[in-house]
PDB file of N, CA and C in Angstrom:
ATOM      1  N   MET A   1      -1.702  13.784   3.571  1.00  0.00           N
ATOM      2  CA  MET A   1      -1.554  12.764   2.820  1.00  0.00           C
ATOM      3  C   MET A   1      -3.312  12.726   3.134  1.00  0.00           C
ATOM      4  N   GLU A   2      -3.727  12.048   1.868  1.00  0.00           N
ATOM      5  CA  GLU A   2      -5.182  11.573   1.883  1.00  0.00           C
ATOM      6  C   GLU A   2      -5.358  10.248   2.437  1.00  0.00           C
ATOM      7  N   GLU A   3      -6.789  10.225   3.146  1.00  0.00           N
ATOM      8  CA  GLU A   3      -7.218   9.268   3.543  1.00  0.00           C
ATOM      9  C   GLU A   3      -7.473   8.063   3.084  1.00  0.00           C
ATOM     10  N   ILE A   4      -7.024   6.442   2.975  1.00  0.00           N
ATOM     11  CA  ILE A   4      -7.841   5.702   2.026  1.00  0.00           C
ATOM     12  C   ILE A   4      -9.205   5.513   2.157  1.00  0.00           C
ATOM     13  N   ARG A   5      -9.623   5.094   1.077  1.00  0.00           N
ATOM     14  CA  ARG A   5     -11.034   5.154   1.427  1.00  0.00           C
ATOM     15  C   ARG A   5     -11.628   4.005   0.555  1.00  0.00           C
ATOM     16  N   GLU A   6     -12.550   2.702   0.536  1.00  0.00           N
ATOM     17  CA  GLU A   6     -13.018   1.768   0.196  1.00  0.00           C
ATOM     18  C   GLU A   6     -13.422   2.419  -1.248  1.00  0.00           C
ATOM     19  N   LYS A   7     -14.344   3.137  -0.945  1.00  0.00           N
ATOM     20  CA  LYS A   7     -15.091   3.375  -2.390  1.00  0.00           C
ATOM     21  C   LYS A   7     -13.927   4.137  -3.368  1.00  0.00           C
ATOM     22  N   ASP A   8     -12.705   5.035  -3.038  1.00  0.00           N
ATOM     23  CA  ASP A   8     -11.644   4.954  -4.295  1.00  0.00           C
ATOM     24  C   ASP A   8     -11.382   3.608  -4.740  1.00  0.00           C
ATOM     25  N   LEU A   9     -10.961   3.136  -4.101  1.00  0.00           N
ATOM     26  CA  LEU A   9     -10.240   1.929  -4.546  1.00  0.00           C
ATOM     27  C   LEU A   9     -11.430   1.134  -5.432  1.00  0.00           C
ATOM     28  N   LYS A  10     -12.715   1.014  -5.146  1.00  0.00           N
ATOM     29  CA  LYS A  10     -13.475   0.406  -5.838  1.00  0.00           C
ATOM     30  C   LYS A  10     -12.939   0.995  -7.239  1.00  0.00           C
ATOM     31  N   SER A  11     -12.873   2.284  -7.339  1.00  0.00           N
ATOM     32  CA  SER A  11     -13.205   2.937  -8.635  1.00  0.00           C
ATOM     33  C   SER A  11     -11.839   2.604  -8.999  1.00  0.00           C
ATOM     34  N   PHE A  12     -10.758   2.819  -8.389  1.00  0.00           N
ATOM     35  CA  PHE A  12      -9.285   2.078  -9.244  1.00  0.00           C
ATOM     36  C   PHE A  12      -9.279   0.194  -9.903  1.00  0.00           C
ATOM     37  N   GLU A  13     -10.310  -0.177  -9.063  1.00  0.00           N
ATOM     38  CA  GLU A  13     -10.617  -1.692  -9.581  1.00  0.00           C
ATOM     39  C   GLU A  13     -11.231  -1.398 -10.830  1.00  0.00           C
ATOM     40  N   ARG A  14     -12.246  -0.639 -10.982  1.00  0.00           N
ATOM     41  CA  ARG A  14     -12.889  -0.285 -12.516  1.00  0.00           C
ATOM     42  C   ARG A  14     -12.242   0.088 -13.301  1.00  0.00           C
ATOM     43  N   GLU A  15     -11.198   1.238 -12.731  1.00  0.00           N
ATOM     44  CA  GLU A  15     -10.755   2.026 -13.805  1.00  0.00           C
ATOM     45  C   GLU A  15      -9.484   1.156 -14.580  1.00  0.00           C
ATOM     46  N   TYR A  16      -8.651   0.345 -13.718  1.00  0.00           N
ATOM     47  CA  TYR A  16      -7.758  -0.612 -14.117  1.00  0.00           C
ATOM     48  C   TYR A  16      -7.755  -1.979 -14.619  1.00  0.00           C
ATOM     49  N   GLY A  17      -9.429  -2.563 -14.114  1.00  0.00           N
ATOM     50  CA  GLY A  17      -9.797  -3.575 -14.380  1.00  0.00           C
ATOM     51  C   GLY A  17      -8.814  -5.026 -13.330  1.00  0.00           C
ATOM     52  N   VAL A  18      -8.279  -4.196 -11.970  1.00  0.00           N
ATOM     53  CA  VAL A  18      -7.663  -5.103 -11.255  1.00  0.00           C
ATOM     54  C   VAL A  18      -8.603  -5.915  -9.863  1.00  0.00           C
ATOM     55  N   ASN A  19      -8.033  -6.212  -9.256  1.00  0.00           N
ATOM     56  CA  ASN A  19      -8.768  -6.469  -7.813  1.00  0.00           C
ATOM     57  C   ASN A  19      -7.406  -5.986  -6.567  1.00  0.00           C
ATOM     58  N   ILE A  20      -8.352  -5.408  -5.826  1.00  0.00           N
ATOM     59  CA  ILE A  20      -7.893  -4.627  -4.630  1.00  0.00           C
ATOM     60  C   ILE A  20      -8.133  -4.775  -3.599  1.00  0.00           C
ATOM     61  N   SER A  21      -7.628  -5.167  -2.329  1.00  0.00           N
ATOM     62  CA  SER A  21      -8.497  -5.688  -0.960  1.00  0.00           C
ATOM     63  C   SER A  21      -7.422  -4.704  -0.121  1.00  0.00           C
ATOM     64  N   TYR A  22      -8.533  -3.912   0.517  1.00  0.00           N
ATOM     65  CA  TYR A  22      -7.973  -3.489   1.988  1.00  0.00           C
ATOM     66  C   TYR A  22      -7.682  -4.009   2.988  1.00  0.00           C
ATOM     67  N   GLU A  23      -7.103  -3.468   4.158  1.00  0.00           N
ATOM     68  CA  GLU A  23      -6.886  -3.663   5.736  1.00  0.00           C
ATOM     69  C   GLU A  23      -6.403  -2.424   6.134  1.00  0.00           C
ATOM     70  N   LYS A  24      -6.948  -2.441   7.378  1.00  0.00           N
ATOM     71  CA  LYS A  24      -6.262  -1.376   8.424  1.00  0.00           C
ATOM     72  C   LYS A  24      -6.090  -1.918  10.011  1.00  0.00           C
ATOM     73  N   ILE A  25      -4.975  -1.885  10.258  1.00  0.00           N
ATOM     74  CA  ILE A  25      -4.468  -2.507  11.627  1.00  0.00           C
ATOM     75  C   ILE A  25      -4.447  -1.446  12.393  1.00  0.00           C
ATOM     76  N   GLU A  26      -4.842  -1.478  13.431  1.00  0.00           N
ATOM     77  CA  GLU A  26      -4.739  -0.055  14.177  1.00  0.00           C
ATOM     78  C   GLU A  26      -4.539  -1.082  15.652  1.00  0.00           C
ATOM     79  N   LYS A  27      -3.563  -0.503  15.685  1.00  0.00           N
ATOM     80  CA  LYS A  27      -2.791  -1.165  17.515  1.00  0.00           C
ATOM     81  C   LYS A  27      -2.685   0.107  18.306  1.00  0.00           C
ATOM     82  N   ARG A  28      -2.913   1.516  17.759  1.00  0.00           N
ATOM     83  CA  ARG A  28      -2.378   2.567  18.827  1.00  0.00           C
ATOM     84  C   ARG A  28      -3.565   2.736  19.738  1.00  0.00           C
ATOM     85  N   GLU A  29      -2.796   3.671  20.896  1.00  0.00           N
ATOM     86  CA  GLU A  29      -4.085   3.648  22.185  1.00  0.00           C
ATOM     87  C   GLU A  29      -3.930   4.988  22.553  1.00  0.00           C
ATOM     88  N   MET A  30      -4.661   5.578  22.754  1.00  0.00           N
ATOM     89  CA  MET A  30      -4.615   6.818  23.504  1.00  0.00           C
ATOM     90  C   MET A  30      -4.273   7.001  24.927  1.00  0.00           C
ATOM     91  N   LYS A  31      -3.301   7.480  25.231  1.00  0.00           N
ATOM     92  CA  LYS A  31      -2.441   7.409  26.423  1.00  0.00           C
ATOM     93  C   LYS A  31      -1.813   8.864  27.142  1.00  0.00           C
ATOM     94  N   GLU A  32      -2.862   9.561  28.103  1.00  0.00           N
ATOM     95  CA  GLU A  32      -2.655  10.857  28.375  1.00  0.00           C
ATOM     96  C   GLU A  32      -2.344  11.828  27.520  1.00  0.00           C
ATOM     97  N   GLY A  33      -3.920  11.568  26.713  1.00  0.00           N
ATOM     98  CA  GLY A  33      -3.898  12.698  25.541  1.00  0.00           C
ATOM     99  C   GLY A  33      -3.257  12.619  24.064  1.00  0.00           C
ATOM    100  N   LEU A  34      -2.423  11.543  24.312  1.00  0.00           N
ATOM    101  CA  LEU A  34      -1.791  11.504  22.903  1.00  0.00           C
ATOM    102  C   LEU A  34      -1.688  10.109  22.481  1.00  0.00           C
ATOM    103  N   LEU A  35      -2.127   9.797  21.105  1.00  0.00           N
ATOM    104  CA  LEU A  35      -2.016   8.660  20.647  1.00  0.00           C
ATOM    105  C   LEU A  35      -0.699   7.996  20.490  1.00  0.00           C
ATOM    106  N   MET A  36      -0.642   7.167  21.273  1.00  0.00           N
ATOM    107  CA  MET A  36       0.838   6.184  21.025  1.00  0.00           C
ATOM    108  C   MET A  36       0.878   4.632  20.794  1.00  0.00           C
ATOM    109  N   GLU A  37       1.879   4.070  20.384  1.00  0.00           N
ATOM    110  CA  GLU A  37       2.093   2.818  20.080  1.00  0.00           C
ATOM    111  C   GLU A  37       3.848   2.338  20.382  1.00  0.00           C
ATOM    112  N   ARG A  38       3.800   1.011  21.437  1.00  0.00           N
ATOM    113  CA  ARG A  38       4.766   0.661  21.188  1.00  0.00           C
ATOM    114  C   ARG A  38       5.520  -0.452  20.014  1.00  0.00           C
ATOM    115  N   THR A  39       6.283   0.057  19.430  1.00  0.00           N
ATOM    116  CA  THR A  39       6.629  -0.561  18.037  1.00  0.00           C
ATOM    117  C   THR A  39       7.718  -1.481  18.318  1.00  0.00           C
ATOM    118  N   LEU A  40       8.655  -1.090  19.342  1.00  0.00           N
ATOM    119  CA  LEU A  40      10.012  -1.620  19.479  1.00  0.00           C
ATOM    120  C   LEU A  40       9.711  -3.483  19.440  1.00  0.00           C
ATOM    121  N   ASP A  41      10.818  -4.164  19.127  1.00  0.00           N
ATOM    122  CA  ASP A  41      10.530  -5.511  19.084  1.00  0.00           C
ATOM    123  C   ASP A  41       9.371  -6.297  18.499  1.00  0.00           C
ATOM    124  N   SER A  42       8.737  -5.490  17.913  1.00  0.00           N
ATOM    125  CA  SER A  42       7.388  -5.802  17.115  1.00  0.00           C
ATOM    126  C   SER A  42       7.534  -6.162  15.968  1.00  0.00           C
ATOM    127  N   ARG A  43       6.623  -7.070  15.465  1.00  0.00           N
ATOM    128  CA  ARG A  43       6.732  -7.749  13.978  1.00  0.00           C
ATOM    129  C   ARG A  43       5.918  -6.693  12.879  1.00  0.00           C
ATOM    130  N   ILE A  44       6.548  -6.521  11.807  1.00  0.00           N
ATOM    131  CA  ILE A  44       5.794  -5.630  11.037  1.00  0.00           C
ATOM    132  C   ILE A  44       4.097  -5.952  11.092  1.00  0.00           C
ATOM    133  N   GLU A  45       4.091  -7.282  11.291  1.00  0.00           N
ATOM    134  CA  GLU A  45       2.594  -7.234  10.800  1.00  0.00           C
ATOM    135  C   GLU A  45       1.607  -7.046  12.168  1.00  0.00           C
ATOM    136  N   ASP A  46       2.690  -6.890  13.140  1.00  0.00           N
ATOM    137  CA  ASP A  46       1.788  -6.260  14.220  1.00  0.00           C
ATOM    138  C   ASP A  46       1.515  -4.800  14.264  1.00  0.00           C
ATOM    139  N   ILE A  47       2.454  -3.953  13.843  1.00  0.00           N
ATOM    140  CA  ILE A  47       2.268  -2.544  13.966  1.00  0.00           C
ATOM    141  C   ILE A  47       0.929  -2.064  13.011  1.00  0.00           C
ATOM    142  N   SER A  48       0.713  -0.652  13.505  1.00  0.00           N
ATOM    143  CA  SER A  48      -0.311  -0.304  13.020  1.00  0.00           C
ATOM    144  C   SER A  48      -0.069   0.134  11.614  1.00  0.00           C
ATOM    145  N   GLN A  49      -1.222  -0.068  10.733  1.00  0.00           N
ATOM    146  CA  GLN A  49      -0.794   0.216   8.960  1.00  0.00           C
ATOM    147  C   GLN A  49      -2.017  -0.080   8.131  1.00  0.00           C
ATOM    148  N   GLU A  50      -1.718   0.643   7.211  1.00  0.00           N
ATOM    149  CA  GLU A  50      -3.035   0.175   5.868  1.00  0.00           C
ATOM    150  C   GLU A  50      -2.293  -0.647   4.770  1.00  0.00           C
ATOM    151  N   VAL A  51      -2.920  -1.561   4.752  1.00  0.00           N
ATOM    152  CA  VAL A  51      -2.303  -2.555   4.110  1.00  0.00           C
ATOM    153  C   VAL A  51      -3.340  -2.432   2.532  1.00  0.00           C
ATOM    154  N   ILE A  52      -3.096  -2.310   1.413  1.00  0.00           N
ATOM    155  CA  ILE A  52      -3.573  -2.451  -0.011  1.00  0.00           C
ATOM    156  C   ILE A  52      -2.652  -3.449  -0.712  1.00  0.00           C
ATOM    157  N   THR A  53      -3.795  -4.536  -1.230  1.00  0.00           N
ATOM    158  CA  THR A  53      -3.239  -5.699  -2.124  1.00  0.00           C
ATOM    159  C   THR A  53      -3.591  -5.700  -3.205  1.00  0.00           C
ATOM    160  N   LEU A  54      -2.910  -5.545  -4.389  1.00  0.00           N
ATOM    161  CA  LEU A  54      -3.641  -5.310  -5.648  1.00  0.00           C
ATOM    162  C   LEU A  54      -2.863  -6.683  -6.229  1.00  0.00           C
ATOM    163  N   SER A  55      -4.042  -7.148  -7.236  1.00  0.00           N
ATOM    164  CA  SER A  55      -3.684  -8.677  -8.499  1.00  0.00           C
ATOM    165  C   SER A  55      -4.362  -7.798  -9.561  1.00  0.00           C
ATOM    166  N   ALA A  56      -3.583  -8.544 -10.505  1.00  0.00           N
ATOM    167  CA  ALA A  56      -3.832  -8.406 -12.200  1.00  0.00           C
ATOM    168  C   ALA A  56      -3.203  -9.187 -12.692  1.00  0.00           C
ATOM    169  N   ASP A  57      -4.260  -9.299 -14.053  1.00  0.00           N
ATOM    170  CA  ASP A  57      -4.018 -10.632 -14.870  1.00  0.00           C
ATOM    171  C   ASP A  57      -3.050  -9.648 -15.815  1.00  0.00           C
ATOM    172  N   GLN A  58      -3.095  -8.640 -16.276  1.00  0.00           N
ATOM    173  CA  GLN A  58      -2.015  -7.852 -17.080  1.00  0.00           C
ATOM    174  C   GLN A  58      -1.022  -6.741 -16.570  1.00  0.00           C
ATOM    175  N   GLU A  59      -0.181  -6.663 -16.788  1.00  0.00           N
ATOM    176  CA  GLU A  59       1.607  -6.083 -16.310  1.00  0.00           C
ATOM    177  C   GLU A  59       0.741  -4.456 -16.478  1.00  0.00           C
ATOM    178  N   ASP A  60       0.408  -4.169 -17.626  1.00  0.00           N
ATOM    179  CA  ASP A  60       0.206  -2.837 -17.574  1.00  0.00           C
ATOM    180  C   ASP A  60      -1.021  -2.362 -16.632  1.00  0.00           C
ATOM    181  N   ASN A  61      -1.968  -3.181 -16.705  1.00  0.00           N
ATOM    182  CA  ASN A  61      -3.180  -2.704 -15.639  1.00  0.00           C
ATOM    183  C   ASN A  61      -2.384  -2.522 -14.346  1.00  0.00           C
ATOM    184  N   PHE A  62      -1.877  -3.304 -13.948  1.00  0.00           N
ATOM    185  CA  PHE A  62      -0.922  -3.561 -12.559  1.00  0.00           C
ATOM    186  C   PHE A  62      -0.182  -2.367 -12.304  1.00  0.00           C
ATOM    187  N   SER A  63       0.588  -2.215 -13.240  1.00  0.00           N
ATOM    188  CA  SER A  63       1.946  -1.049 -13.092  1.00  0.00           C
ATOM    189  C   SER A  63       1.142  -0.123 -12.963  1.00  0.00           C
ATOM    190  N   ASP A  64       0.111   0.616 -13.594  1.00  0.00           N
ATOM    191  CA  ASP A  64      -0.714   1.620 -14.315  1.00  0.00           C
ATOM    192  C   ASP A  64      -1.501   1.693 -12.472  1.00  0.00           C
ATOM    193  N   CYS A  65      -2.179   0.932 -12.003  1.00  0.00           N
ATOM    194  CA  CYS A  65      -2.908   0.844 -10.727  1.00  0.00           C
ATOM    195  C   CYS A  65      -1.681   1.423  -9.693  1.00  0.00           C
ATOM    196  N   ILE A  66      -0.694   0.682  -9.386  1.00  0.00           N
ATOM    197  CA  ILE A  66       0.063   1.137  -8.718  1.00  0.00           C
ATOM    198  C   ILE A  66       0.675   2.242  -8.618  1.00  0.00           C
ATOM    199  N   ILE A  67       0.788   3.278  -9.910  1.00  0.00           N
ATOM    200  CA  ILE A  67       1.006   4.521 -10.075  1.00  0.00           C
ATOM    201  C   ILE A  67      -0.012   5.427  -9.307  1.00  0.00           C
ATOM    202  N   ALA A  68      -0.840   4.967 -10.052  1.00  0.00           N
ATOM    203  CA  ALA A  68      -1.987   6.038 -10.010  1.00  0.00           C
ATOM    204  C   ALA A  68      -2.301   5.401  -8.148  1.00  0.00           C
ATOM    205  N   LEU A  69      -2.353   4.895  -7.550  1.00  0.00           N
ATOM    206  CA  LEU A  69      -2.485   4.357  -5.910  1.00  0.00           C
ATOM    207  C   LEU A  69      -1.219   5.393  -5.200  1.00  0.00           C
ATOM    208  N   TYR A  70       0.086   5.278  -5.764  1.00  0.00           N
ATOM    209  CA  TYR A  70       0.635   6.398  -5.360  1.00  0.00           C
ATOM    210  C   TYR A  70       0.606   7.903  -5.508  1.00  0.00           C
ATOM    211  N   LYS A  71       0.180   7.961  -6.594  1.00  0.00           N
ATOM    212  CA  LYS A  71       0.152   9.396  -6.911  1.00  0.00           C
ATOM    213  C   LYS A  71      -1.087  10.221  -5.651  1.00  0.00           C
ATOM    214  N   LYS A  72      -1.832   9.464  -5.621  1.00  0.00           N
ATOM    215  CA  LYS A  72      -3.199   9.549  -4.576  1.00  0.00           C
ATOM    216  C   LYS A  72      -2.970   9.472  -3.551  1.00  0.00           C
ATOM    217  N   TYR A  73      -2.063   8.369  -2.761  1.00  0.00           N
ATOM    218  CA  TYR A  73      -2.072   8.285  -1.462  1.00  0.00           C
ATOM    219  C   TYR A  73      -0.404   8.635  -1.065  1.00  0.00           C
ATOM    220  N   ARG A  74       0.472   8.344  -1.891  1.00  0.00           N
ATOM    221  CA  ARG A  74       1.901   8.511  -1.264  1.00  0.00           C
ATOM    222  C   ARG A  74       2.201   7.210  -0.501  1.00  0.00           C
ATOM    223  N   CYS A  75       3.403   7.397   0.059  1.00  0.00           N
ATOM    224  CA  CYS A  75       3.745   6.243   1.004  1.00  0.00           C
ATOM    225  C   CYS A  75       4.520   7.155   1.968  1.00  0.00           C
ATOM    226  N   PRO A  76       4.003   7.189   3.045  1.00  0.00           N
ATOM    227  CA  PRO A  76       4.857   7.786   4.198  1.00  0.00           C
ATOM    228  C   PRO A  76       5.916   6.603   4.426  1.00  0.00           C
ATOM    229  N   ARG A  77       5.783   5.629   4.465  1.00  0.00           N
ATOM    230  CA  ARG A  77       6.985   4.844   4.565  1.00  0.00           C
ATOM    231  C   ARG A  77       7.440   3.688   3.288  1.00  0.00           C
ATOM    232  N   THR A  78       8.507   3.225   3.988  1.00  0.00           N
ATOM    233  CA  THR A  78       8.780   2.355   3.188  1.00  0.00           C
ATOM    234  C   THR A  78       7.847   1.476   2.233  1.00  0.00           C
ATOM    235  N   PRO A  79       7.593   0.751   0.981  1.00  0.00           N
ATOM    236  CA  PRO A  79       6.171   0.069   0.955  1.00  0.00           C
ATOM    237  C   PRO A  79       6.712  -1.522   0.889  1.00  0.00           C
ATOM    238  N   TYR A  80       7.139  -2.120   2.052  1.00  0.00           N
ATOM    239  CA  TYR A  80       7.767  -3.321   2.097  1.00  0.00           C
ATOM    240  C   TYR A  80       6.836  -4.501   1.090  1.00  0.00           C
ATOM    241  N   SER A  81       5.812  -4.467   1.602  1.00  0.00           N
ATOM    242  CA  SER A  81       5.217  -5.218   0.957  1.00  0.00           C
ATOM    243  C   SER A  81       5.344  -5.630  -0.658  1.00  0.00           C
ATOM    244  N   LEU A  82       5.701  -4.510  -1.442  1.00  0.00           N
ATOM    245  CA  LEU A  82       5.766  -4.598  -2.910  1.00  0.00           C
ATOM    246  C   LEU A  82       6.643  -5.446  -3.002  1.00  0.00           C
ATOM    247  N   LEU A  83       7.607  -5.519  -2.306  1.00  0.00           N
ATOM    248  CA  LEU A  83       9.023  -6.554  -2.415  1.00  0.00           C
ATOM    249  C   LEU A  83       8.733  -8.155  -2.205  1.00  0.00           C
ATOM    250  N   GLY A  84       7.577  -8.338  -1.548  1.00  0.00           N
ATOM    251  CA  GLY A  84       7.625  -9.166  -0.830  1.00  0.00           C
ATOM    252  C   GLY A  84       6.473 -10.085  -1.537  1.00  0.00           C
ATOM    253  N   SER A  85       5.928  -9.731  -2.622  1.00  0.00           N
ATOM    254  CA  SER A  85       4.475 -10.404  -3.212  1.00  0.00           C
ATOM    255  C   SER A  85       4.635 -11.899  -4.058  1.00  0.00           C
ATOM    256  N   SER A  86       5.609 -11.203  -5.296  1.00  0.00           N
ATOM    257  CA  SER A  86       5.698 -12.850  -5.815  1.00  0.00           C
ATOM    258  C   SER A  86       7.372 -11.804  -6.945  1.00  0.00           C
ATOM    259  N   ASP A  87       7.937 -12.730  -7.495  1.00  0.00           N
ATOM    260  CA  ASP A  87       8.777 -12.686  -8.172  1.00  0.00           C
ATOM    261  C   ASP A  87       8.836 -11.322  -9.573  1.00  0.00           C
ATOM    262  N   ALA A  88       7.565 -12.027  -9.904  1.00  0.00           N
ATOM    263  CA  ALA A  88       6.890 -10.956 -11.121  1.00  0.00           C
ATOM    264  C   ALA A  88       6.364  -9.384 -10.389  1.00  0.00           C
ATOM    265  N   GLY A  89       5.849  -9.734  -9.382  1.00  0.00           N
ATOM    266  CA  GLY A  89       5.648  -7.879  -8.682  1.00  0.00           C
ATOM    267  C   GLY A  89       6.953  -7.527  -8.162  1.00  0.00           C
ATOM    268  N   GLN A  90       7.558  -8.421  -7.848  1.00  0.00           N
ATOM    269  CA  GLN A  90       8.649  -7.605  -7.143  1.00  0.00           C
ATOM    270  C   GLN A  90       9.594  -6.870  -8.164  1.00  0.00           C
ATOM    271  N   LYS A  91       9.589  -7.482  -9.258  1.00  0.00           N
ATOM    272  CA  LYS A  91      10.789  -6.873 -10.660  1.00  0.00           C
ATOM    273  C   LYS A  91       9.482  -5.602 -10.740  1.00  0.00           C
ATOM    274  N   ILE A  92       8.155  -5.881 -11.440  1.00  0.00           N
ATOM    275  CA  ILE A  92       7.399  -4.578 -11.647  1.00  0.00           C
ATOM    276  C   ILE A  92       7.744  -3.484 -10.266  1.00  0.00           C
ATOM    277  N   ALA A  93       7.781  -3.569  -9.375  1.00  0.00           N
ATOM    278  CA  ALA A  93       7.791  -2.747  -8.464  1.00  0.00           C
ATOM    279  C   ALA A  93       8.810  -1.915  -8.438  1.00  0.00           C
ATOM    280  N   LYS A  94       9.919  -2.976  -8.466  1.00  0.00           N
ATOM    281  CA  LYS A  94      11.023  -2.138  -8.303  1.00  0.00           C
ATOM    282  C   LYS A  94      11.948  -1.238  -9.731  1.00  0.00           C
ATOM    283  N   LYS A  95      10.679  -1.879 -10.618  1.00  0.00           N
ATOM    284  CA  LYS A  95      10.993  -1.123 -12.176  1.00  0.00           C
ATOM    285  C   LYS A  95      10.349   0.187 -11.864  1.00  0.00           C
ATOM    286  N   LEU A  96       9.152   0.249 -11.280  1.00  0.00           N
ATOM    287  CA  LEU A  96       8.411   1.518 -10.912  1.00  0.00           C
ATOM    288  C   LEU A  96       8.942   2.133 -10.246  1.00  0.00           C
ATOM    289  N   MET A  97       9.723   2.016  -8.987  1.00  0.00           N
ATOM    290  CA  MET A  97      10.444   2.668  -8.144  1.00  0.00           C
ATOM    291  C   MET A  97      11.214   3.588  -8.232  1.00  0.00           C
ATOM    292  N   ASN A  98      11.851   2.704  -9.524  1.00  0.00           N
ATOM    293  CA  ASN A  98      12.984   3.557 -10.329  1.00  0.00           C
ATOM    294  C   ASN A  98      12.392   4.467 -11.054  1.00  0.00           C
ATOM    295  N   ILE A  99      11.826   4.175 -11.797  1.00  0.00           N
ATOM    296  CA  ILE A  99      10.976   4.635 -12.563  1.00  0.00           C
ATOM    297  C   ILE A  99      10.015   7.005 -11.979  1.00  0.00           C
ATOM    298  N   HIS A 100      10.162   6.350 -10.840  1.00  0.00           N
ATOM    299  CA  HIS A 100       8.979   7.245  -9.852  1.00  0.00           C
ATOM    300  C   HIS A 100       9.702   7.703  -8.442  1.00  0.00           C
ATOM    301  N   GLY A 101      11.047   7.801  -8.910  1.00  0.00           N
ATOM    302  CA  GLY A 101      11.985   8.695  -7.650  1.00  0.00           C
ATOM    303  C   GLY A 101      12.162   7.569  -6.283  1.00  0.00           C
ATOM    304  N   GLY A 102      11.936   6.326  -6.625  1.00  0.00           N
ATOM    305  CA  GLY A 102      12.317   5.601  -5.609  1.00  0.00           C
ATOM    306  C   GLY A 102      11.427   5.783  -4.387  1.00  0.00           C
ATOM    307  N   TRP A 103      10.080   6.136  -4.226  1.00  0.00           N
ATOM    308  CA  TRP A 103       9.223   6.011  -3.146  1.00  0.00           C
ATOM    309  C   TRP A 103       9.904   6.235  -1.926  1.00  0.00           C
TER     310      TRP A 103
END
């Protein structure tokens, strides 16, 4: 899996004419030589994760950028936020998931 870098995201913004923001939430701690995090009973917003937020005026640009991001970074877990953005975003995300193997 490739590391998410701000400069790469800026490149995607230029290439696809979209707006991208990035947030890294880090809650893991080093304990006895192991990187650990207690996630039981935690809200998803409070768990370590990397969040890429994408918006665009044109559906094709939006879709093409999501595909490019997926091809570059893959999804180690289900991309929950794709399904919670907006009705239009949810429809596009579901369509792309079906086309590209369910992610």
